[in-house]
Amino acid sequence: MLVLRFLNVVAPAYFLCISVVTFILQLFLFIPTMFKDPSTTPLFSSALLHGVLFLFLSANALGNYILVIQNSPEDLSKGLNLGSGGEAVANWPNGNRIPGSALPGTHFCRLCARATQKHDHHCFFTGNCIGSRNMRNFLMFCLYTSLACLDSLVTGVAYISAALSTSFTNPLAFLTLLPHSISQFFSGALLSSEMFVILMLYLWLGIGLACAGFCCHQMLLILRGQTRHQVRKGTVARSRTWRKNLQEVFGKRWLLGLLIPVLNVGSDYHRQKEK
């Protein structure tokens, strides 16, 4: 438990550090090198369009990250004695003390010290539980983080290709880039800034692929109407259509949520809160 609490503090700081480093490299290194001659650069150049695209991806990733933290799942255990075993219970709906399993996917998280309805998992990078209240924002955060990392990867490869006069037409060139760069760095033939960018390339690749894979797996669970917690517990999914399952998470204003970070005001959860 002590290790988990340590990760719950370190992981968000690690994510913020990676975000700041990526932002600095993009705006102060990659994008300026695209403007070879600002006087002859057209208004809608590729460098300007790339800068706008990166800011759009970063704003959505950061905005949804903040909404995931601010829009924490509602604590169903307030005012209840959960006991030393941490069994999730809830007063629902007539004030009787009943097991939390009566609510689909209710789970008590020891790290957050709260009982979450439709609990999916605890995310260490946000330091928060993911449930029915912030699932949509969490998926959008993972999606735009993956896109921002892959965008930075492509831009970084272009920068390294120009700086080191290296061709990446051969797919194996990227795989052998790191060991060759390490040997050149210790021999003094490679600058520390260039070595740092090369290390960031592999970090962006890992984060981008991990977030993309997580999004795909999470979307499959949403289509089936299940959460990760329910899969671990072997809970059978409710027999509903995939459209109903999507609408429960994304709401009716799903297109707006794809473009800008907003609360999922059209979801089933918020409609129940309004009632």
Protein backbone atom coordinates (compact mmCIF):
# COMPACT_ATOMS: atom_id res chain seq x y z
CA MET A 1 0.00 0.00 0.00
CA LEU A 2 2.90 2.36 0.74
CA VAL A 3 4.32 1.74 -2.74
CA LEU A 4 0.93 2.45 -4.33
CA ARG A 5 0.59 5.72 -2.43
CA PHE A 6 4.08 6.69 -3.57
CA LEU A 7 3.14 5.97 -7.19
CA ASN A 8 -0.05 7.97 -6.73
CA VAL A 9 2.11 11.04 -5.97
CA VAL A 10 5.04 10.46 -8.35
CA ALA A 11 3.09 9.45 -11.49
CA PRO A 12 1.20 12.78 -11.89
CA ALA A 13 4.44 14.71 -11.39
CA TYR A 14 6.14 12.51 -14.00
CA PHE A 15 3.34 13.16 -16.50
CA LEU A 16 3.50 16.91 -15.96
CA CYS A 17 7.29 16.91 -16.42
CA ILE A 18 7.00 15.00 -19.70
CA SER A 19 4.29 17.43 -20.86
CA VAL A 20 6.42 20.50 -20.08
CA VAL A 21 9.47 19.02 -21.82
CA THR A 22 7.41 18.12 -24.89
CA PHE A 23 5.88 21.59 -25.01
CA ILE A 24 9.29 23.27 -24.79
CA LEU A 25 10.87 21.04 -27.46
CA GLN A 26 8.00 21.59 -29.87
CA LEU A 27 7.68 25.37 -29.52
CA PHE A 28 11.34 26.30 -29.06
CA LEU A 29 13.21 23.68 -31.08
CA PHE A 30 11.16 21.73 -33.62
CA ILE A 31 8.78 24.39 -34.93
CA PRO A 32 11.39 27.21 -35.19
CA THR A 33 13.65 24.99 -37.30
CA MET A 34 10.80 24.63 -39.81
CA PHE A 35 10.89 28.39 -40.46
CA LYS A 36 14.12 28.52 -42.43
CA ASP A 37 13.45 32.01 -43.77
CA PRO A 38 10.50 33.77 -42.05
CA SER A 39 10.44 36.52 -44.72
CA THR A 40 9.73 34.03 -47.50
CA THR A 41 7.52 31.67 -45.47
CA PRO A 42 3.89 31.73 -46.66
CA LEU A 43 1.13 32.56 -44.21
CA PHE A 44 -0.33 29.05 -44.12
CA SER A 45 2.94 27.16 -44.13
CA SER A 46 3.40 23.58 -42.94
CA ALA A 47 5.24 24.85 -39.85
CA LEU A 48 2.36 27.12 -38.85
CA LEU A 49 -0.22 24.40 -39.46
CA HIS A 50 1.82 21.95 -37.43
CA GLY A 51 2.08 24.44 -34.57
CA VAL A 52 -1.68 24.94 -34.57
CA LEU A 53 -2.24 21.16 -34.65
CA PHE A 54 0.13 20.56 -31.75
CA LEU A 55 -1.50 23.31 -29.65
CA PHE A 56 -4.94 21.83 -30.42
CA LEU A 57 -3.86 18.33 -29.34
CA SER A 58 -2.08 19.62 -26.24
CA ALA A 59 -5.01 21.82 -25.17
CA ASN A 60 -7.43 18.90 -25.43
CA ALA A 61 -5.11 16.52 -23.58
CA LEU A 62 -4.48 19.00 -20.76
CA GLY A 63 -8.10 20.14 -20.60
CA ASN A 64 -9.46 16.61 -20.28
CA TYR A 65 -6.72 15.79 -17.77
CA ILE A 66 -7.93 18.63 -15.55
CA LEU A 67 -11.57 17.57 -15.96
CA VAL A 68 -10.72 14.00 -14.95
CA ILE A 69 -9.26 15.31 -11.69
CA GLN A 70 -11.92 17.94 -11.00
CA ASN A 71 -14.85 15.70 -11.96
CA SER A 72 -13.99 12.98 -9.45
CA PRO A 73 -16.44 10.11 -9.03
CA GLU A 74 -19.07 10.72 -6.38
CA ASP A 75 -18.28 9.08 -3.04
CA LEU A 76 -21.19 6.75 -2.26
CA SER A 77 -19.72 5.87 1.16
CA LYS A 78 -20.13 9.32 2.76
CA GLY A 79 -21.70 8.97 6.15
CA LEU A 80 -21.42 5.20 6.07
CA ASN A 81 -19.23 2.85 8.12
CA LEU A 82 -17.43 0.69 5.59
CA GLY A 83 -15.63 -1.37 8.20
CA SER A 84 -11.99 -2.29 8.43
CA GLY A 85 -12.22 -4.65 5.50
CA GLY A 86 -13.09 -1.83 3.11
CA GLU A 87 -16.19 -3.56 1.78
CA ALA A 88 -18.12 -1.14 -0.40
CA VAL A 89 -21.62 -0.52 0.93
CA ALA A 90 -24.14 2.12 0.08
CA ASN A 91 -27.39 3.52 1.38
CA TRP A 92 -29.45 3.06 -1.75
CA PRO A 93 -32.15 3.93 -2.31
CA ASN A 94 -34.25 3.75 0.88
CA GLY A 95 -31.60 4.20 3.58
CA ASN A 96 -31.02 0.48 4.18
CA ARG A 97 -27.43 -0.73 4.46
CA ILE A 98 -26.91 -3.07 1.53
CA PRO A 99 -23.80 -4.46 -0.20
CA GLY A 100 -22.23 -2.24 -2.84
CA SER A 101 -22.64 -5.00 -5.42
CA ALA A 102 -26.31 -4.01 -5.57
CA LEU A 103 -25.07 -1.02 -7.54
CA PRO A 104 -23.41 -2.18 -10.78
CA GLY A 105 -19.64 -2.06 -10.44
CA THR A 106 -19.55 -0.26 -7.08
CA HIS A 107 -16.11 -0.59 -5.53
CA PHE A 108 -14.26 0.92 -2.56
CA CYS A 109 -10.83 2.30 -3.49
CA ARG A 110 -8.33 2.30 -0.64
CA LEU A 111 -6.14 4.95 -2.27
CA CYS A 112 -8.97 7.43 -2.79
CA ALA A 113 -10.92 6.25 0.28
CA ARG A 114 -14.21 6.40 -1.60
CA ALA A 115 -16.84 4.05 -2.97
CA THR A 116 -17.25 4.70 -6.69
CA GLN A 117 -20.25 3.78 -8.79
CA LYS A 118 -19.35 1.89 -11.99
CA HIS A 119 -15.72 1.85 -10.87
CA ASP A 120 -13.32 1.06 -13.72
CA HIS A 121 -9.83 1.44 -12.23
CA HIS A 122 -7.57 3.79 -10.29
CA CYS A 123 -5.34 5.88 -12.56
CA PHE A 124 -1.99 6.74 -11.01
CA PHE A 125 -1.19 9.39 -13.62
CA THR A 126 -4.23 11.43 -12.56
CA GLY A 127 -4.17 10.28 -8.94
CA ASN A 128 -7.89 9.65 -9.20
CA CYS A 129 -10.45 6.90 -9.64
CA ILE A 130 -12.11 6.48 -13.03
CA GLY A 131 -15.84 5.85 -12.93
CA SER A 132 -19.08 6.76 -14.65
CA ARG A 133 -18.59 10.44 -13.90
CA ASN A 134 -15.25 11.01 -15.64
CA MET A 135 -14.85 8.05 -18.00
CA ARG A 136 -15.47 10.09 -21.16
CA ASN A 137 -12.93 12.76 -20.19
CA PHE A 138 -10.39 10.08 -19.31
CA LEU A 139 -10.77 8.44 -22.71
CA MET A 140 -10.36 11.79 -24.45
CA PHE A 141 -7.29 12.49 -22.33
CA CYS A 142 -5.71 9.19 -23.41
CA LEU A 143 -6.68 9.74 -27.05
CA TYR A 144 -5.21 13.24 -27.34
CA THR A 145 -2.14 12.29 -25.31
CA SER A 146 -1.48 9.50 -27.79
CA LEU A 147 -1.97 11.83 -30.76
CA ALA A 148 0.25 14.53 -29.23
CA CYS A 149 3.02 12.00 -28.54
CA LEU A 150 2.87 10.54 -32.05
CA ASP A 151 2.86 14.05 -33.51
CA SER A 152 5.94 14.91 -31.45
CA LEU A 153 7.54 11.65 -32.57
CA VAL A 154 7.12 12.48 -36.26
CA THR A 155 8.39 16.03 -35.75
CA GLY A 156 11.33 14.83 -33.67
CA VAL A 157 12.32 12.27 -36.31
CA ALA A 158 12.28 15.03 -38.94
CA TYR A 159 14.47 17.21 -36.71
CA ILE A 160 17.00 14.43 -36.05
CA SER A 161 17.04 13.49 -39.71
CA ALA A 162 18.00 17.06 -40.65
CA ALA A 163 20.43 17.56 -37.75
CA LEU A 164 22.35 14.30 -38.21
CA SER A 165 21.79 13.91 -41.98
CA THR A 166 20.21 10.53 -41.30
CA SER A 167 17.67 8.85 -43.55
CA PHE A 168 14.76 6.92 -42.04
CA THR A 169 13.52 5.38 -45.27
CA ASN A 170 14.68 2.03 -43.92
CA PRO A 171 12.40 0.96 -41.02
CA LEU A 172 15.39 -0.55 -39.21
CA ALA A 173 17.07 2.87 -39.06
CA PHE A 174 14.83 3.96 -36.18
CA LEU A 175 15.42 0.73 -34.26
CA THR A 176 19.20 1.10 -34.53
CA LEU A 177 19.16 4.84 -33.85
CA LEU A 178 19.43 4.56 -30.07
CA PRO A 179 22.44 2.18 -29.80
CA HIS A 180 24.33 4.11 -32.49
CA SER A 181 23.53 7.42 -30.80
CA ILE A 182 24.75 6.18 -27.41
CA SER A 183 28.09 5.15 -28.88
CA GLN A 184 28.43 8.49 -30.70
CA PHE A 185 27.46 10.42 -27.57
CA PHE A 186 30.16 8.85 -25.40
CA SER A 187 32.71 9.32 -28.18
CA GLY A 188 31.89 13.03 -28.30
CA ALA A 189 30.44 13.01 -31.81
CA LEU A 190 26.89 13.77 -30.65
CA LEU A 191 25.62 16.80 -28.77
CA SER A 192 23.79 16.33 -25.46
CA SER A 193 20.73 18.17 -26.79
CA GLU A 194 20.50 15.82 -29.77
CA MET A 195 20.91 12.79 -27.51
CA PHE A 196 18.12 14.09 -25.28
CA VAL A 197 15.79 14.45 -28.27
CA ILE A 198 16.58 10.89 -29.38
CA LEU A 199 15.71 9.56 -25.92
CA MET A 200 12.45 11.53 -26.03
CA LEU A 201 11.60 9.93 -29.38
CA TYR A 202 11.44 6.47 -27.81
CA LEU A 203 9.55 7.82 -24.81
CA TRP A 204 6.94 9.44 -27.07
CA LEU A 205 6.63 6.20 -29.03
CA GLY A 206 6.05 4.16 -25.87
CA ILE A 207 3.52 6.57 -24.36
CA GLY A 208 1.69 7.03 -27.66
CA LEU A 209 1.32 3.30 -28.33
CA ALA A 210 0.35 2.57 -24.71
CA CYS A 211 -2.38 5.23 -24.68
CA ALA A 212 -3.67 4.15 -28.10
CA GLY A 213 -3.85 0.51 -27.04
CA PHE A 214 -5.57 1.44 -23.79
CA CYS A 215 -8.18 3.50 -25.69
CA CYS A 216 -8.94 0.61 -28.05
CA HIS A 217 -9.31 -1.87 -25.21
CA GLN A 218 -11.44 0.52 -23.17
CA MET A 219 -13.73 1.18 -26.15
CA LEU A 220 -14.30 -2.57 -26.52
CA LEU A 221 -15.33 -2.76 -22.86
CA ILE A 222 -17.67 0.21 -23.28
CA LEU A 223 -19.32 -1.39 -26.32
CA ARG A 224 -19.90 -4.50 -24.21
CA GLY A 225 -21.24 -2.42 -21.33
CA GLN A 226 -18.53 -3.49 -18.88
CA THR A 227 -15.79 -1.91 -16.80
CA ARG A 228 -12.36 -3.28 -15.94
CA HIS A 229 -13.50 -3.89 -12.37
CA GLN A 230 -16.48 -5.91 -13.58
CA VAL A 231 -14.25 -7.96 -15.88
CA ARG A 232 -11.89 -8.78 -13.00
CA LYS A 233 -14.82 -9.78 -10.81
CA GLY A 234 -16.41 -11.86 -13.57
CA THR A 235 -19.60 -9.78 -13.61
CA VAL A 236 -21.85 -10.49 -16.58
CA ALA A 237 -22.56 -7.47 -18.78
CA ARG A 238 -26.07 -6.13 -19.02
CA SER A 239 -27.91 -7.09 -22.19
CA ARG A 240 -28.10 -3.73 -23.93
CA THR A 241 -27.28 -2.53 -27.42
CA TRP A 242 -23.87 -1.06 -28.12
CA ARG A 243 -25.52 2.28 -28.97
CA LYS A 244 -26.98 2.49 -25.46
CA ASN A 245 -23.62 1.65 -23.93
CA LEU A 246 -21.88 4.36 -25.95
CA GLN A 247 -24.54 6.93 -25.10
CA GLU A 248 -24.21 6.14 -21.39
CA VAL A 249 -20.52 7.09 -21.48
CA PHE A 250 -20.31 9.76 -24.19
CA GLY A 251 -23.78 11.29 -23.95
CA LYS A 252 -25.68 12.97 -26.78
CA ARG A 253 -23.11 15.77 -27.24
CA TRP A 254 -20.31 13.36 -28.10
CA LEU A 255 -19.15 15.35 -31.13
CA LEU A 256 -18.59 18.47 -29.02
CA GLY A 257 -16.52 16.43 -26.58
CA LEU A 258 -14.28 15.23 -29.41
CA LEU A 259 -13.32 18.78 -30.35
CA ILE A 260 -13.05 20.63 -27.04
CA PRO A 261 -12.68 19.44 -23.42
CA VAL A 262 -16.13 19.73 -21.84
CA LEU A 263 -18.05 17.95 -19.13
CA ASN A 264 -20.18 15.05 -20.26
CA VAL A 265 -23.45 16.88 -19.52
CA GLY A 266 -25.47 14.67 -21.83
CA SER A 267 -24.59 11.34 -20.23
CA ASP A 268 -26.92 9.10 -18.26
CA TYR A 269 -25.04 9.91 -15.06
CA HIS A 270 -25.70 13.64 -15.28
CA ARG A 271 -29.33 13.09 -16.23
CA GLN A 272 -29.75 10.99 -13.08
CA LYS A 273 -28.10 13.76 -11.02
CA GLU A 274 -30.49 16.35 -12.43
CA LYS A 275 -33.45 14.21 -11.44
